[in-house]
Amino acid sequence: MPVCARCTGIYAGAAIAALALPVVARLKASRLRSPAKRGTFHWARMLLIVSIVPAAATLGYEWTTGHTPANWIRAVSGLPIGAVVAWIVRSAAPGAAEGMR
C-alpha cells in the first residue's frame, strides 16, 4: 500500500463519512449545523481531540514498546479522525444543513 495503515483508516473514515453525511443531513437537517453558529466551533474542536485519542494511543504504544500493533488496529484507530474531519468540512460548506444540492 502506498500509505500506512493508520492513514488508510483516516482516508476510509473520511470516505465513509462523506457517503453517510448527505443521508444523515436529509434525515436530521437541524442537527448538522454550520460551524459558524455559536458554540459549534468548541464542540467540533472537542470532537476532533477525542477522535485523535485512539491513534495517539497506538502511536504512544509503538514509541514506548518498540512493537508495532497489527495493521488492522492501526487502521481502526484512524477511522474516527477521518470521519470527524469529513463532518467538520461538510458542516462548514454553504447549505450544509439542507443536505447535498
PDB file of N, CA and C in Angstrom:
ATOM      1  N   MET A   1       0.843  -1.183   0.000  1.00  0.00           N
ATOM      2  CA  MET A   1       0.000   0.000   0.000  1.00  0.00           C
ATOM      3  C   MET A   1       0.886   1.244   0.000  1.00  0.00           C
ATOM      4  N   PRO A   2       0.459   2.293  -0.652  1.00  0.00           N
ATOM      5  CA  PRO A   2       1.285   3.495  -0.715  1.00  0.00           C
ATOM      6  C   PRO A   2       1.264   4.322   0.568  1.00  0.00           C
ATOM      7  N   VAL A   3       0.350   4.058   1.494  1.00  0.00           N
ATOM      8  CA  VAL A   3       0.298   4.792   2.762  1.00  0.00           C
ATOM      9  C   VAL A   3       0.233   3.789   3.907  1.00  0.00           C
ATOM     10  N   CYS A   4       0.517   4.275   5.117  1.00  0.00           N
ATOM     11  CA  CYS A   4       0.495   3.387   6.279  1.00  0.00           C
ATOM     12  C   CYS A   4      -0.945   2.995   6.625  1.00  0.00           C
ATOM     13  N   ALA A   5      -1.073   2.017   7.497  1.00  0.00           N
ATOM     14  CA  ALA A   5      -2.399   1.515   7.875  1.00  0.00           C
ATOM     15  C   ALA A   5      -3.219   2.586   8.580  1.00  0.00           C
ATOM     16  N   ARG A   6      -2.577   3.386   9.423  1.00  0.00           N
ATOM     17  CA  ARG A   6      -3.304   4.430  10.147  1.00  0.00           C
ATOM     18  C   ARG A   6      -3.858   5.459   9.164  1.00  0.00           C
ATOM     19  N   CYS A   7      -3.046   5.839   8.188  1.00  0.00           N
ATOM     20  CA  CYS A   7      -3.513   6.797   7.170  1.00  0.00           C
ATOM     21  C   CYS A   7      -4.628   6.199   6.322  1.00  0.00           C
ATOM     22  N   THR A   8      -4.532   4.910   6.039  1.00  0.00           N
ATOM     23  CA  THR A   8      -5.608   4.229   5.308  1.00  0.00           C
ATOM     24  C   THR A   8      -6.911   4.315   6.092  1.00  0.00           C
ATOM     25  N   GLY A   9      -6.822   4.141   7.417  1.00  0.00           N
ATOM     26  CA  GLY A   9      -8.004   4.272   8.264  1.00  0.00           C
ATOM     27  C   GLY A   9      -8.574   5.681   8.233  1.00  0.00           C
ATOM     28  N   ILE A  10      -7.697   6.674   8.231  1.00  0.00           N
ATOM     29  CA  ILE A  10      -8.161   8.066   8.160  1.00  0.00           C
ATOM     30  C   ILE A  10      -8.902   8.300   6.847  1.00  0.00           C
ATOM     31  N   TYR A  11      -8.317   7.842   5.739  1.00  0.00           N
ATOM     32  CA  TYR A  11      -8.968   8.014   4.430  1.00  0.00           C
ATOM     33  C   TYR A  11     -10.290   7.259   4.366  1.00  0.00           C
ATOM     34  N   ALA A  12     -10.305   6.045   4.902  1.00  0.00           N
ATOM     35  CA  ALA A  12     -11.536   5.250   4.887  1.00  0.00           C
ATOM     36  C   ALA A  12     -12.615   5.900   5.743  1.00  0.00           C
ATOM     37  N   GLY A  13     -12.229   6.428   6.903  1.00  0.00           N
ATOM     38  CA  GLY A  13     -13.202   7.119   7.758  1.00  0.00           C
ATOM     39  C   GLY A  13     -13.792   8.334   7.071  1.00  0.00           C
ATOM     40  N   ALA A  14     -12.949   9.083   6.372  1.00  0.00           N
ATOM     41  CA  ALA A  14     -13.441  10.254   5.641  1.00  0.00           C
ATOM     42  C   ALA A  14     -14.372   9.839   4.511  1.00  0.00           C
ATOM     43  N   ALA A  15     -14.025   8.765   3.810  1.00  0.00           N
ATOM     44  CA  ALA A  15     -14.868   8.302   2.704  1.00  0.00           C
ATOM     45  C   ALA A  15     -16.218   7.800   3.212  1.00  0.00           C
ATOM     46  N   ILE A  16     -16.200   7.055   4.291  1.00  0.00           N
ATOM     47  CA  ILE A  16     -17.454   6.548   4.869  1.00  0.00           C
ATOM     48  C   ILE A  16     -18.331   7.707   5.326  1.00  0.00           C
ATOM     49  N   ALA A  17     -17.719   8.678   6.006  1.00  0.00           N
ATOM     50  CA  ALA A  17     -18.491   9.833   6.476  1.00  0.00           C
ATOM     51  C   ALA A  17     -19.014  10.654   5.307  1.00  0.00           C
ATOM     52  N   ALA A  18     -18.198  10.822   4.266  1.00  0.00           N
ATOM     53  CA  ALA A  18     -18.644  11.598   3.100  1.00  0.00           C
ATOM     54  C   ALA A  18     -19.850  10.950   2.425  1.00  0.00           C
ATOM     55  N   LEU A  19     -19.897   9.626   2.440  1.00  0.00           N
ATOM     56  CA  LEU A  19     -21.044   8.938   1.858  1.00  0.00           C
ATOM     57  C   LEU A  19     -22.266   8.975   2.772  1.00  0.00           C
ATOM     58  N   ALA A  20     -22.030   8.953   4.076  1.00  0.00           N
ATOM     59  CA  ALA A  20     -23.143   8.904   5.030  1.00  0.00           C
ATOM     60  C   ALA A  20     -23.718  10.284   5.347  1.00  0.00           C
ATOM     61  N   LEU A  21     -22.907  11.324   5.315  1.00  0.00           N
ATOM     62  CA  LEU A  21     -23.374  12.647   5.739  1.00  0.00           C
ATOM     63  C   LEU A  21     -24.536  13.212   4.936  1.00  0.00           C
ATOM     64  N   PRO A  22     -24.578  13.080   3.618  1.00  0.00           N
ATOM     65  CA  PRO A  22     -25.752  13.595   2.898  1.00  0.00           C
ATOM     66  C   PRO A  22     -27.049  12.908   3.325  1.00  0.00           C
ATOM     67  N   VAL A  23     -26.973  11.620   3.591  1.00  0.00           N
ATOM     68  CA  VAL A  23     -28.160  10.885   4.033  1.00  0.00           C
ATOM     69  C   VAL A  23     -28.587  11.367   5.412  1.00  0.00           C
ATOM     70  N   VAL A  24     -27.609  11.503   6.310  1.00  0.00           N
ATOM     71  CA  VAL A  24     -27.897  11.961   7.666  1.00  0.00           C
ATOM     72  C   VAL A  24     -28.416  13.391   7.631  1.00  0.00           C
ATOM     73  N   ALA A  25     -27.859  14.225   6.758  1.00  0.00           N
ATOM     74  CA  ALA A  25     -28.294  15.625   6.665  1.00  0.00           C
ATOM     75  C   ALA A  25     -29.753  15.721   6.240  1.00  0.00           C
ATOM     76  N   ARG A  26     -30.160  14.836   5.378  1.00  0.00           N
ATOM     77  CA  ARG A  26     -31.561  14.855   4.943  1.00  0.00           C
ATOM     78  C   ARG A  26     -32.487  14.386   6.053  1.00  0.00           C
ATOM     79  N   LEU A  27     -32.023  13.424   6.846  1.00  0.00           N
ATOM     80  CA  LEU A  27     -32.854  12.902   7.921  1.00  0.00           C
ATOM     81  C   LEU A  27     -32.972  13.878   9.095  1.00  0.00           C
ATOM     82  N   LYS A  28     -31.858  14.522   9.425  1.00  0.00           N
ATOM     83  CA  LYS A  28     -31.848  15.416  10.581  1.00  0.00           C
ATOM     84  C   LYS A  28     -31.156  16.725  10.217  1.00  0.00           C
ATOM     85  N   ALA A  29     -31.765  17.502   9.373  1.00  0.00           N
ATOM     86  CA  ALA A  29     -31.165  18.741   8.882  1.00  0.00           C
ATOM     87  C   ALA A  29     -30.876  19.722  10.011  1.00  0.00           C
ATOM     88  N   SER A  30     -31.680  19.753  11.024  1.00  0.00           N
ATOM     89  CA  SER A  30     -31.482  20.731  12.096  1.00  0.00           C
ATOM     90  C   SER A  30     -30.297  20.378  13.001  1.00  0.00           C
ATOM     91  N   ARG A  31     -29.855  19.152  13.009  1.00  0.00           N
ATOM     92  CA  ARG A  31     -28.768  18.743  13.898  1.00  0.00           C
ATOM     93  C   ARG A  31     -27.392  19.016  13.301  1.00  0.00           C
ATOM     94  N   LEU A  32     -27.259  19.024  11.972  1.00  0.00           N
ATOM     95  CA  LEU A  32     -25.973  19.312  11.329  1.00  0.00           C
ATOM     96  C   LEU A  32     -25.896  20.804  11.062  1.00  0.00           C
ATOM     97  N   ARG A  33     -25.355  21.519  12.025  1.00  0.00           N
ATOM     98  CA  ARG A  33     -25.297  22.968  11.922  1.00  0.00           C
ATOM     99  C   ARG A  33     -23.974  23.417  11.327  1.00  0.00           C
ATOM    100  N   SER A  34     -23.982  24.612  10.808  1.00  0.00           N
ATOM    101  CA  SER A  34     -22.754  25.208  10.306  1.00  0.00           C
ATOM    102  C   SER A  34     -21.870  25.586  11.487  1.00  0.00           C
ATOM    103  N   PRO A  35     -20.528  25.379  11.382  1.00  0.00           N
ATOM    104  CA  PRO A  35     -19.645  25.762  12.471  1.00  0.00           C
ATOM    105  C   PRO A  35     -19.673  27.251  12.773  1.00  0.00           C
ATOM    106  N   ALA A  36     -20.254  28.069  11.901  1.00  0.00           N
ATOM    107  CA  ALA A  36     -20.329  29.494  12.163  1.00  0.00           C
ATOM    108  C   ALA A  36     -21.284  29.819  13.310  1.00  0.00           C
ATOM    109  N   LYS A  37     -22.162  28.898  13.645  1.00  0.00           N
ATOM    110  CA  LYS A  37     -23.099  29.142  14.738  1.00  0.00           C
ATOM    111  C   LYS A  37     -22.373  29.099  16.068  1.00  0.00           C
ATOM    112  N   ARG A  38     -22.857  29.843  17.016  1.00  0.00           N
ATOM    113  CA  ARG A  38     -22.223  29.979  18.317  1.00  0.00           C
ATOM    114  C   ARG A  38     -22.099  28.635  19.036  1.00  0.00           C
ATOM    115  N   GLY A  39     -20.907  28.345  19.535  1.00  0.00           N
ATOM    116  CA  GLY A  39     -20.671  27.146  20.314  1.00  0.00           C
ATOM    117  C   GLY A  39     -20.286  25.922  19.504  1.00  0.00           C
ATOM    118  N   THR A  40     -20.502  25.949  18.199  1.00  0.00           N
ATOM    119  CA  THR A  40     -20.216  24.776  17.388  1.00  0.00           C
ATOM    120  C   THR A  40     -18.717  24.601  17.175  1.00  0.00           C
ATOM    121  N   PHE A  41     -17.970  25.714  17.109  1.00  0.00           N
ATOM    122  CA  PHE A  41     -16.512  25.608  16.971  1.00  0.00           C
ATOM    123  C   PHE A  41     -15.928  24.843  18.140  1.00  0.00           C
ATOM    124  N   HIS A  42     -16.361  25.172  19.341  1.00  0.00           N
ATOM    125  CA  HIS A  42     -15.861  24.495  20.531  1.00  0.00           C
ATOM    126  C   HIS A  42     -16.224  23.015  20.488  1.00  0.00           C
ATOM    127  N   TRP A  43     -17.444  22.705  20.107  1.00  0.00           N
ATOM    128  CA  TRP A  43     -17.900  21.320  20.056  1.00  0.00           C
ATOM    129  C   TRP A  43     -17.109  20.538  19.013  1.00  0.00           C
ATOM    130  N   ALA A  44     -16.887  21.130  17.844  1.00  0.00           N
ATOM    131  CA  ALA A  44     -16.141  20.462  16.781  1.00  0.00           C
ATOM    132  C   ALA A  44     -14.686  20.239  17.208  1.00  0.00           C
ATOM    133  N   ARG A  45     -14.099  21.218  17.871  1.00  0.00           N
ATOM    134  CA  ARG A  45     -12.726  21.083  18.347  1.00  0.00           C
ATOM    135  C   ARG A  45     -12.609  19.954  19.367  1.00  0.00           C
ATOM    136  N   MET A  46     -13.548  19.892  20.286  1.00  0.00           N
ATOM    137  CA  MET A  46     -13.519  18.831  21.294  1.00  0.00           C
ATOM    138  C   MET A  46     -13.725  17.456  20.648  1.00  0.00           C
ATOM    139  N   LEU A  47     -14.611  17.366  19.688  1.00  0.00           N
ATOM    140  CA  LEU A  47     -14.841  16.109  18.987  1.00  0.00           C
ATOM    141  C   LEU A  47     -13.581  15.670  18.235  1.00  0.00           C
ATOM    142  N   LEU A  48     -12.884  16.610  17.634  1.00  0.00           N
ATOM    143  CA  LEU A  48     -11.647  16.291  16.927  1.00  0.00           C
ATOM    144  C   LEU A  48     -10.575  15.799  17.892  1.00  0.00           C
ATOM    145  N   ILE A  49     -10.459  16.434  19.037  1.00  0.00           N
ATOM    146  CA  ILE A  49      -9.481  15.993  20.040  1.00  0.00           C
ATOM    147  C   ILE A  49      -9.795  14.582  20.504  1.00  0.00           C
ATOM    148  N   VAL A  50     -11.064  14.297  20.761  1.00  0.00           N
ATOM    149  CA  VAL A  50     -11.460  12.957  21.197  1.00  0.00           C
ATOM    150  C   VAL A  50     -11.184  11.928  20.090  1.00  0.00           C
ATOM    151  N   SER A  51     -11.376  12.314  18.831  1.00  0.00           N
ATOM    152  CA  SER A  51     -11.158  11.367  17.730  1.00  0.00           C
ATOM    153  C   SER A  51      -9.685  11.020  17.551  1.00  0.00           C
ATOM    154  N   ILE A  52      -8.806  11.870  18.024  1.00  0.00           N
ATOM    155  CA  ILE A  52      -7.370  11.634  17.888  1.00  0.00           C
ATOM    156  C   ILE A  52      -6.851  10.659  18.942  1.00  0.00           C
ATOM    157  N   VAL A  53      -7.581  10.482  20.029  1.00  0.00           N
ATOM    158  CA  VAL A  53      -7.117   9.648  21.146  1.00  0.00           C
ATOM    159  C   VAL A  53      -6.735   8.221  20.726  1.00  0.00           C
ATOM    160  N   PRO A  54      -7.553   7.479  19.959  1.00  0.00           N
ATOM    161  CA  PRO A  54      -7.136   6.116  19.599  1.00  0.00           C
ATOM    162  C   PRO A  54      -5.828   6.067  18.802  1.00  0.00           C
ATOM    163  N   ALA A  55      -5.664   6.968  17.847  1.00  0.00           N
ATOM    164  CA  ALA A  55      -4.429   6.992  17.058  1.00  0.00           C
ATOM    165  C   ALA A  55      -3.241   7.385  17.927  1.00  0.00           C
ATOM    166  N   ALA A  56      -3.443   8.334  18.811  1.00  0.00           N
ATOM    167  CA  ALA A  56      -2.366   8.740  19.712  1.00  0.00           C
ATOM    168  C   ALA A  56      -1.987   7.601  20.661  1.00  0.00           C
ATOM    169  N   ALA A  57      -2.969   6.823  21.081  1.00  0.00           N
ATOM    170  CA  ALA A  57      -2.693   5.694  21.963  1.00  0.00           C
ATOM    171  C   ALA A  57      -1.856   4.638  21.249  1.00  0.00           C
ATOM    172  N   THR A  58      -2.199   4.323  20.003  1.00  0.00           N
ATOM    173  CA  THR A  58      -1.399   3.324  19.283  1.00  0.00           C
ATOM    174  C   THR A  58      -0.002   3.855  18.989  1.00  0.00           C
ATOM    175  N   LEU A  59       0.098   5.137  18.688  1.00  0.00           N
ATOM    176  CA  LEU A  59       1.405   5.740  18.439  1.00  0.00           C
ATOM    177  C   LEU A  59       2.250   5.729  19.717  1.00  0.00           C
ATOM    178  N   GLY A  60       1.641   6.076  20.837  1.00  0.00           N
ATOM    179  CA  GLY A  60       2.349   6.022  22.115  1.00  0.00           C
ATOM    180  C   GLY A  60       2.809   4.616  22.448  1.00  0.00           C
ATOM    181  N   TYR A  61       1.966   3.641  22.161  1.00  0.00           N
ATOM    182  CA  TYR A  61       2.325   2.235  22.380  1.00  0.00           C
ATOM    183  C   TYR A  61       3.534   1.855  21.526  1.00  0.00           C
ATOM    184  N   GLU A  62       3.509   2.272  20.258  1.00  0.00           N
ATOM    185  CA  GLU A  62       4.624   1.965  19.358  1.00  0.00           C
ATOM    186  C   GLU A  62       5.924   2.579  19.855  1.00  0.00           C
ATOM    187  N   TRP A  63       5.857   3.837  20.270  1.00  0.00           N
ATOM    188  CA  TRP A  63       7.064   4.538  20.692  1.00  0.00           C
ATOM    189  C   TRP A  63       7.620   4.027  22.009  1.00  0.00           C
ATOM    190  N   THR A  64       6.748   3.610  22.915  1.00  0.00           N
ATOM    191  CA  THR A  64       7.231   3.184  24.232  1.00  0.00           C
ATOM    192  C   THR A  64       7.672   1.730  24.270  1.00  0.00           C
ATOM    193  N   THR A  65       7.060   0.879  23.439  1.00  0.00           N
ATOM    194  CA  THR A  65       7.412  -0.535  23.481  1.00  0.00           C
ATOM    195  C   THR A  65       8.310  -0.967  22.331  1.00  0.00           C
ATOM    196  N   GLY A  66       8.329  -0.210  21.271  1.00  0.00           N
ATOM    197  CA  GLY A  66       9.089  -0.599  20.090  1.00  0.00           C
ATOM    198  C   GLY A  66       8.392  -1.671  19.266  1.00  0.00           C
ATOM    199  N   HIS A  67       7.175  -2.008  19.636  1.00  0.00           N
ATOM    200  CA  HIS A  67       6.387  -3.026  18.929  1.00  0.00           C
ATOM    201  C   HIS A  67       5.278  -2.330  18.152  1.00  0.00           C
ATOM    202  N   THR A  68       5.100  -2.713  16.903  1.00  0.00           N
ATOM    203  CA  THR A  68       4.043  -2.130  16.073  1.00  0.00           C
ATOM    204  C   THR A  68       2.793  -2.991  16.169  1.00  0.00           C
ATOM    205  N   PRO A  69       1.641  -2.391  16.525  1.00  0.00           N
ATOM    206  CA  PRO A  69       0.396  -3.169  16.556  1.00  0.00           C
ATOM    207  C   PRO A  69       0.037  -3.673  15.155  1.00  0.00           C
ATOM    208  N   ALA A  70      -0.880  -4.591  15.097  1.00  0.00           N
ATOM    209  CA  ALA A  70      -1.337  -5.119  13.809  1.00  0.00           C
ATOM    210  C   ALA A  70      -1.898  -3.981  12.955  1.00  0.00           C
ATOM    211  N   ASN A  71      -1.777  -4.139  11.656  1.00  0.00           N
ATOM    212  CA  ASN A  71      -2.240  -3.085  10.748  1.00  0.00           C
ATOM    213  C   ASN A  71      -3.727  -2.804  10.891  1.00  0.00           C
ATOM    214  N   TRP A  72      -4.529  -3.810  11.164  1.00  0.00           N
ATOM    215  CA  TRP A  72      -5.967  -3.555  11.311  1.00  0.00           C
ATOM    216  C   TRP A  72      -6.233  -2.685  12.541  1.00  0.00           C
ATOM    217  N   ILE A  73      -5.442  -2.836  13.599  1.00  0.00           N
ATOM    218  CA  ILE A  73      -5.607  -1.988  14.788  1.00  0.00           C
ATOM    219  C   ILE A  73      -5.234  -0.556  14.458  1.00  0.00           C
ATOM    220  N   ARG A  74      -4.155  -0.386  13.743  1.00  0.00           N
ATOM    221  CA  ARG A  74      -3.731   0.963  13.357  1.00  0.00           C
ATOM    222  C   ARG A  74      -4.757   1.607  12.424  1.00  0.00           C
ATOM    223  N   ALA A  75      -5.330   0.822  11.506  1.00  0.00           N
ATOM    224  CA  ALA A  75      -6.337   1.359  10.586  1.00  0.00           C
ATOM    225  C   ALA A  75      -7.604   1.766  11.331  1.00  0.00           C
ATOM    226  N   VAL A  76      -8.043   0.934  12.253  1.00  0.00           N
ATOM    227  CA  VAL A  76      -9.256   1.248  13.024  1.00  0.00           C
ATOM    228  C   VAL A  76      -9.029   2.490  13.889  1.00  0.00           C
ATOM    229  N   SER A  77      -7.801   2.677  14.379  1.00  0.00           N
ATOM    230  CA  SER A  77      -7.533   3.854  15.208  1.00  0.00           C
ATOM    231  C   SER A  77      -7.592   5.152  14.394  1.00  0.00           C
ATOM    232  N   GLY A  78      -7.426   5.075  13.093  1.00  0.00           N
ATOM    233  CA  GLY A  78      -7.502   6.260  12.248  1.00  0.00           C
ATOM    234  C   GLY A  78      -8.900   6.599  11.754  1.00  0.00           C
ATOM    235  N   LEU A  79      -9.818   5.641  11.797  1.00  0.00           N
ATOM    236  CA  LEU A  79     -11.184   5.871  11.293  1.00  0.00           C
ATOM    237  C   LEU A  79     -11.873   7.090  11.912  1.00  0.00           C
ATOM    238  N   PRO A  80     -11.841   7.258  13.249  1.00  0.00           N
ATOM    239  CA  PRO A  80     -12.553   8.409  13.829  1.00  0.00           C
ATOM    240  C   PRO A  80     -12.028   9.760  13.353  1.00  0.00           C
ATOM    241  N   ILE A  81     -10.726   9.865  13.145  1.00  0.00           N
ATOM    242  CA  ILE A  81     -10.162  11.143  12.687  1.00  0.00           C
ATOM    243  C   ILE A  81     -10.737  11.504  11.323  1.00  0.00           C
ATOM    244  N   GLY A  82     -10.721  10.567  10.403  1.00  0.00           N
ATOM    245  CA  GLY A  82     -11.251  10.833   9.066  1.00  0.00           C
ATOM    246  C   GLY A  82     -12.714  11.187   9.084  1.00  0.00           C
ATOM    247  N   ALA A  83     -13.488  10.473   9.891  1.00  0.00           N
ATOM    248  CA  ALA A  83     -14.927  10.736   9.954  1.00  0.00           C
ATOM    249  C   ALA A  83     -15.207  12.122  10.533  1.00  0.00           C
ATOM    250  N   VAL A  84     -14.514  12.491  11.586  1.00  0.00           N
ATOM    251  CA  VAL A  84     -14.755  13.799  12.219  1.00  0.00           C
ATOM    252  C   VAL A  84     -14.317  14.933  11.302  1.00  0.00           C
ATOM    253  N   VAL A  85     -13.175  14.786  10.667  1.00  0.00           N
ATOM    254  CA  VAL A  85     -12.721  15.844   9.751  1.00  0.00           C
ATOM    255  C   VAL A  85     -13.683  15.995   8.586  1.00  0.00           C
ATOM    256  N   ALA A  86     -14.173  14.884   8.050  1.00  0.00           N
ATOM    257  CA  ALA A  86     -15.155  14.965   6.958  1.00  0.00           C
ATOM    258  C   ALA A  86     -16.422  15.662   7.429  1.00  0.00           C
ATOM    259  N   TRP A  87     -16.863  15.373   8.662  1.00  0.00           N
ATOM    260  CA  TRP A  87     -18.056  16.033   9.196  1.00  0.00           C
ATOM    261  C   TRP A  87     -17.817  17.532   9.345  1.00  0.00           C
ATOM    262  N   ILE A  88     -16.640  17.927   9.846  1.00  0.00           N
ATOM    263  CA  ILE A  88     -16.336  19.346  10.031  1.00  0.00           C
ATOM    264  C   ILE A  88     -16.314  20.063   8.680  1.00  0.00           C
ATOM    265  N   VAL A  89     -15.664  19.460   7.701  1.00  0.00           N
ATOM    266  CA  VAL A  89     -15.597  20.072   6.366  1.00  0.00           C
ATOM    267  C   VAL A  89     -16.991  20.183   5.761  1.00  0.00           C
ATOM    268  N   ARG A  90     -17.781  19.130   5.873  1.00  0.00           N
ATOM    269  CA  ARG A  90     -19.139  19.159   5.311  1.00  0.00           C
ATOM    270  C   ARG A  90     -20.021  20.159   6.040  1.00  0.00           C
ATOM    271  N   SER A  91     -19.854  20.267   7.347  1.00  0.00           N
ATOM    272  CA  SER A  91     -20.666  21.214   8.112  1.00  0.00           C
ATOM    273  C   SER A  91     -20.306  22.657   7.790  1.00  0.00           C
ATOM    274  N   ALA A  92     -19.078  22.888   7.390  1.00  0.00           N
ATOM    275  CA  ALA A  92     -18.639  24.250   7.062  1.00  0.00           C
ATOM    276  C   ALA A  92     -19.072  24.675   5.661  1.00  0.00           C
ATOM    277  N   ALA A  93     -19.503  23.717   4.845  1.00  0.00           N
ATOM    278  CA  ALA A  93     -19.899  24.031   3.475  1.00  0.00           C
ATOM    279  C   ALA A  93     -21.195  24.827   3.463  1.00  0.00           C
ATOM    280  N   PRO A  94     -21.322  25.775   2.550  1.00  0.00           N
ATOM    281  CA  PRO A  94     -22.578  26.532   2.447  1.00  0.00           C
ATOM    282  C   PRO A  94     -23.747  25.590   2.156  1.00  0.00           C
ATOM    283  N   GLY A  95     -24.832  25.800   2.836  1.00  0.00           N
ATOM    284  CA  GLY A  95     -26.019  24.984   2.624  1.00  0.00           C
ATOM    285  C   GLY A  95     -25.903  23.577   3.190  1.00  0.00           C
ATOM    286  N   ALA A  96     -25.003  23.369   4.140  1.00  0.00           N
ATOM    287  CA  ALA A  96     -24.782  22.027   4.686  1.00  0.00           C
ATOM    288  C   ALA A  96     -26.015  21.483   5.390  1.00  0.00           C
ATOM    289  N   ALA A  97     -26.792  22.348   6.012  1.00  0.00           N
ATOM    290  CA  ALA A  97     -27.964  21.881   6.753  1.00  0.00           C
ATOM    291  C   ALA A  97     -29.040  21.338   5.829  1.00  0.00           C
ATOM    292  N   GLU A  98     -29.040  21.780   4.592  1.00  0.00           N
ATOM    293  CA  GLU A  98     -30.063  21.308   3.650  1.00  0.00           C
ATOM    294  C   GLU A  98     -29.688  20.002   2.988  1.00  0.00           C
ATOM    295  N   GLY A  99     -28.475  19.531   3.169  1.00  0.00           N
ATOM    296  CA  GLY A  99     -28.041  18.309   2.504  1.00  0.00           C
ATOM    297  C   GLY A  99     -27.397  18.612   1.174  1.00  0.00           C
ATOM    298  N   MET A 100     -27.119  17.582   0.408  1.00  0.00           N
ATOM    299  CA  MET A 100     -26.466  17.755  -0.876  1.00  0.00           C
ATOM    300  C   MET A 100     -27.386  18.458  -1.860  1.00  0.00           C
ATOM    301  N   ARG A 101     -26.805  19.334  -2.627  1.00  0.00           N
ATOM    302  CA  ARG A 101     -27.608  20.051  -3.629  1.00  0.00           C
ATOM    303  C   ARG A 101     -27.370  19.495  -4.980  1.00  0.00           C
TER     304      ARG A 101
END
